[in-house]
Amino acid sequence: MERLRLVENPVDRLARSVEALLVIASKPLTVGELAAVTEEDEERVETALGLVAGRFREGRSGIVLEHVAGGYAFRAAREAADACARLVERPVQRGLTQAALETLAVVAYLGPVSRPEIARIRGVAADSAVAGLVERGLVSEAGREREGGAVRYEATPLFERVFGLTDRSELPELDELGGDVEELRSRLEDVAARRGA
């Protein structure tokens, strides 16, 4: 009797490679990046991502595959967050201050934008708020202005990941934020007009 040989499904093999790449990646990976590294076409990578997502979903696994910041990445499942925090022995990161949140909003909506522009919009100096956001990795330098050479800042992929956005087009419209947004809207529009946006 001839032994039956089990034939491995190539998509299963690709899914394991995709899984390994996502584990070692320091940032979310796009379908295109995964396709280039695995030397597979994007359609097959998307199929493999579906298999990985099925294995790693909330309620079934301690880690979860999520589509965030324009790519795919693993994160700890909600039910495992406390245990993960104890393992790394660091307290839960404190929230952003009101000044940092306002500055982050300006950078996310108008970036790249300079500190002087942020200060004009907010009506107060933005140096410490910008420095804190850079330190946390939520904003980064994005070149310099032609006149004056001020550093310009933009939101990072980590910002998108932290706030659960696929990309910045998912930011809420200002009207959706509630409260008195007219003054902020006016300031944002004034700066955008001066920049020719």
Protein backbone atom coordinates (compact mmCIF):
# COMPACT_ATOMS: atom_id res chain seq x y z
CA MET A 1 0.00 0.00 0.00
CA GLU A 2 1.30 3.37 -0.95
CA ARG A 3 1.30 5.91 1.85
CA LEU A 4 -0.80 8.95 1.30
CA ARG A 5 1.27 12.08 1.42
CA LEU A 6 -0.29 15.12 3.00
CA VAL A 7 0.06 18.12 0.77
CA GLU A 8 0.43 21.40 2.61
CA ASN A 9 -1.75 24.24 1.48
CA PRO A 10 0.54 27.03 0.19
CA VAL A 11 -1.76 29.70 1.65
CA ASP A 12 -1.34 28.13 5.12
CA ARG A 13 2.43 28.34 4.69
CA LEU A 14 2.12 31.96 3.55
CA ALA A 15 -0.13 32.73 6.54
CA ARG A 16 2.59 31.44 8.90
CA SER A 17 5.17 33.65 7.18
CA VAL A 18 2.86 36.67 7.40
CA GLU A 19 2.23 35.91 11.06
CA ALA A 20 5.98 35.77 11.76
CA LEU A 21 6.60 39.03 9.91
CA LEU A 22 3.90 40.79 11.91
CA VAL A 23 5.37 39.50 15.17
CA ILE A 24 8.85 40.88 14.44
CA ALA A 25 7.74 44.13 12.77
CA SER A 26 8.21 47.35 14.71
CA LYS A 27 5.32 49.05 12.88
CA PRO A 28 2.15 48.02 11.05
CA LEU A 29 2.90 46.41 7.67
CA THR A 30 0.83 47.08 4.55
CA VAL A 31 -0.37 44.37 2.19
CA GLY A 32 2.14 45.69 -0.35
CA GLU A 33 5.03 45.42 2.10
CA LEU A 34 4.00 41.89 3.09
CA ALA A 35 3.68 40.91 -0.59
CA ALA A 36 7.15 42.27 -1.38
CA VAL A 37 8.84 40.50 1.53
CA THR A 38 7.08 37.17 0.96
CA GLU A 39 7.42 37.47 -2.84
CA GLU A 40 3.71 36.74 -3.24
CA ASP A 41 0.94 38.66 -4.93
CA GLU A 42 -1.23 40.97 -2.85
CA GLU A 43 -4.40 38.91 -3.33
CA ARG A 44 -2.77 35.84 -1.80
CA VAL A 45 -1.37 37.94 1.05
CA GLU A 46 -4.88 39.27 1.75
CA THR A 47 -6.17 35.68 1.84
CA ALA A 48 -3.35 34.76 4.24
CA LEU A 49 -4.18 37.78 6.41
CA GLY A 50 -7.75 36.50 6.61
CA LEU A 51 -6.47 33.18 7.96
CA VAL A 52 -4.24 34.95 10.49
CA ALA A 53 -7.10 37.23 11.56
CA GLY A 54 -9.26 34.16 12.15
CA ARG A 55 -6.66 32.63 14.44
CA PHE A 56 -5.94 35.85 16.30
CA ARG A 57 -9.17 37.57 17.20
CA GLU A 58 -10.65 39.01 20.38
CA GLY A 59 -12.05 36.28 22.65
CA ARG A 60 -10.09 33.52 20.93
CA SER A 61 -6.46 34.55 21.39
CA GLY A 62 -4.30 36.58 23.73
CA ILE A 63 -3.12 38.65 20.78
CA VAL A 64 -5.31 40.21 18.14
CA LEU A 65 -4.60 41.12 14.51
CA GLU A 66 -5.84 44.59 13.67
CA HIS A 67 -5.86 46.81 10.59
CA VAL A 68 -4.48 50.12 11.82
CA ALA A 69 -2.29 53.01 10.65
CA GLY A 70 -2.59 51.85 7.05
CA GLY A 71 -1.28 48.36 7.76
CA TYR A 72 -1.63 45.26 9.92
CA ALA A 73 -0.20 44.68 13.39
CA PHE A 74 -0.69 42.56 16.48
CA ARG A 75 -1.78 43.97 19.82
CA ALA A 76 -2.58 42.38 23.16
CA ALA A 77 -6.18 41.29 23.58
CA ARG A 78 -8.17 43.47 25.96
CA GLU A 79 -8.52 40.64 28.48
CA ALA A 80 -4.72 40.23 28.60
CA ALA A 81 -3.83 43.93 28.95
CA ASP A 82 -3.46 43.86 32.76
CA ALA A 83 -1.18 40.83 32.71
CA CYS A 84 0.93 42.40 29.96
CA ALA A 85 1.27 45.60 31.97
CA ARG A 86 2.47 43.63 35.01
CA LEU A 87 5.01 41.72 32.90
CA VAL A 88 6.72 44.84 31.66
CA GLU A 89 6.42 46.35 35.16
CA ARG A 90 5.46 49.79 34.09
CA PRO A 91 2.38 51.73 35.06
CA VAL A 92 -0.30 52.50 32.56
CA GLN A 93 0.86 55.53 30.59
CA ARG A 94 -0.84 58.65 31.83
CA GLY A 95 -3.17 60.40 29.49
CA LEU A 96 -2.36 63.43 27.40
CA THR A 97 -2.83 66.88 28.91
CA GLN A 98 -5.38 69.26 27.43
CA ALA A 99 -2.53 71.27 25.85
CA ALA A 100 -1.07 68.12 24.30
CA LEU A 101 -4.48 67.03 22.97
CA GLU A 102 -5.09 70.44 21.41
CA THR A 103 -1.63 70.46 19.86
CA LEU A 104 -2.07 66.92 18.58
CA ALA A 105 -5.39 67.87 16.99
CA VAL A 106 -3.81 70.81 15.18
CA VAL A 107 -0.95 68.64 13.91
CA ALA A 108 -3.28 65.81 12.87
CA TYR A 109 -5.67 68.09 10.97
CA LEU A 110 -3.18 70.56 9.47
CA GLY A 111 0.18 68.77 9.47
CA PRO A 112 2.81 69.30 8.50
CA VAL A 113 2.65 72.42 10.65
CA SER A 114 5.29 74.42 12.56
CA ARG A 115 5.38 75.37 16.24
CA PRO A 116 4.70 79.05 15.43
CA GLU A 117 1.60 78.04 13.45
CA ILE A 118 0.43 75.81 16.31
CA ALA A 119 0.98 78.69 18.75
CA ARG A 120 -1.05 81.07 16.54
CA ILE A 121 -3.92 78.58 16.35
CA ARG A 122 -3.94 77.71 20.06
CA GLY A 123 -3.13 81.21 21.23
CA VAL A 124 -0.33 79.97 23.54
CA ALA A 125 3.22 78.66 23.13
CA ALA A 126 3.40 75.08 21.91
CA ASP A 127 7.03 74.17 22.60
CA SER A 128 6.53 71.83 25.56
CA ALA A 129 3.39 70.22 24.12
CA VAL A 130 5.14 69.49 20.81
CA ALA A 131 8.24 68.18 22.61
CA GLY A 132 6.09 65.82 24.69
CA LEU A 133 4.26 64.54 21.61
CA VAL A 134 7.56 63.96 19.80
CA GLU A 135 8.88 62.09 22.85
CA ARG A 136 5.82 59.84 22.85
CA GLY A 137 6.23 59.21 19.11
CA LEU A 138 2.82 60.66 18.20
CA VAL A 139 4.27 63.44 16.02
CA SER A 140 7.56 63.71 14.14
CA GLU A 141 9.55 66.23 12.19
CA ALA A 142 8.47 66.63 8.58
CA GLY A 143 10.98 69.04 7.11
CA ARG A 144 11.41 72.79 7.48
CA GLU A 145 9.58 75.85 6.26
CA ARG A 146 11.20 77.62 3.30
CA GLU A 147 11.02 81.00 4.99
CA GLY A 148 12.49 81.11 8.47
CA GLY A 149 13.38 77.43 8.55
CA ALA A 150 10.98 76.47 11.36
CA VAL A 151 10.63 72.72 11.84
CA ARG A 152 7.29 71.34 10.67
CA TYR A 153 5.54 68.42 12.38
CA GLU A 154 3.11 65.75 11.27
CA ALA A 155 1.23 62.93 12.97
CA THR A 156 2.95 59.53 12.86
CA PRO A 157 1.72 56.02 12.11
CA LEU A 158 1.88 55.44 15.88
CA PHE A 159 -0.71 58.23 16.27
CA GLU A 160 -2.98 56.35 13.85
CA ARG A 161 -2.36 53.10 15.67
CA VAL A 162 -2.97 54.55 19.15
CA PHE A 163 -6.22 56.16 18.02
CA GLY A 164 -7.35 53.12 15.99
CA LEU A 165 -7.31 54.86 12.60
CA THR A 166 -6.53 53.17 9.31
CA ASP A 167 -5.34 56.57 8.07
CA ARG A 168 -5.93 60.25 8.84
CA SER A 169 -8.93 60.42 6.50
CA GLU A 170 -10.84 58.69 9.31
CA LEU A 171 -10.41 61.68 11.64
CA PRO A 172 -13.82 63.00 12.66
CA GLU A 173 -15.08 66.21 11.11
CA LEU A 174 -14.79 69.13 13.52
CA ASP A 175 -18.60 69.33 13.80
CA GLU A 176 -18.65 65.76 15.14
CA LEU A 177 -16.41 66.68 18.08
CA GLY A 178 -19.14 68.62 19.89
CA GLY A 179 -18.76 71.70 22.03
CA ASP A 180 -17.81 75.13 20.72
CA VAL A 181 -15.76 74.38 17.63
CA GLU A 182 -16.37 77.63 15.75
CA GLU A 183 -13.31 79.42 17.17
CA LEU A 184 -11.07 76.42 16.47
CA ARG A 185 -12.55 76.02 12.98
CA SER A 186 -11.93 79.72 12.26
CA ARG A 187 -8.32 79.51 13.46
CA LEU A 188 -7.66 76.32 11.48
CA GLU A 189 -9.18 77.84 8.33
CA ASP A 190 -7.16 81.05 8.73
CA VAL A 191 -3.89 79.16 9.00
CA ALA A 192 -4.83 76.82 6.15
CA ALA A 193 -5.65 79.84 3.96
CA ARG A 194 -2.29 81.46 4.75
CA ARG A 195 -0.54 78.22 3.82
CA GLY A 196 -2.49 77.94 0.57
CA ALA A 197 -4.16 74.68 1.57
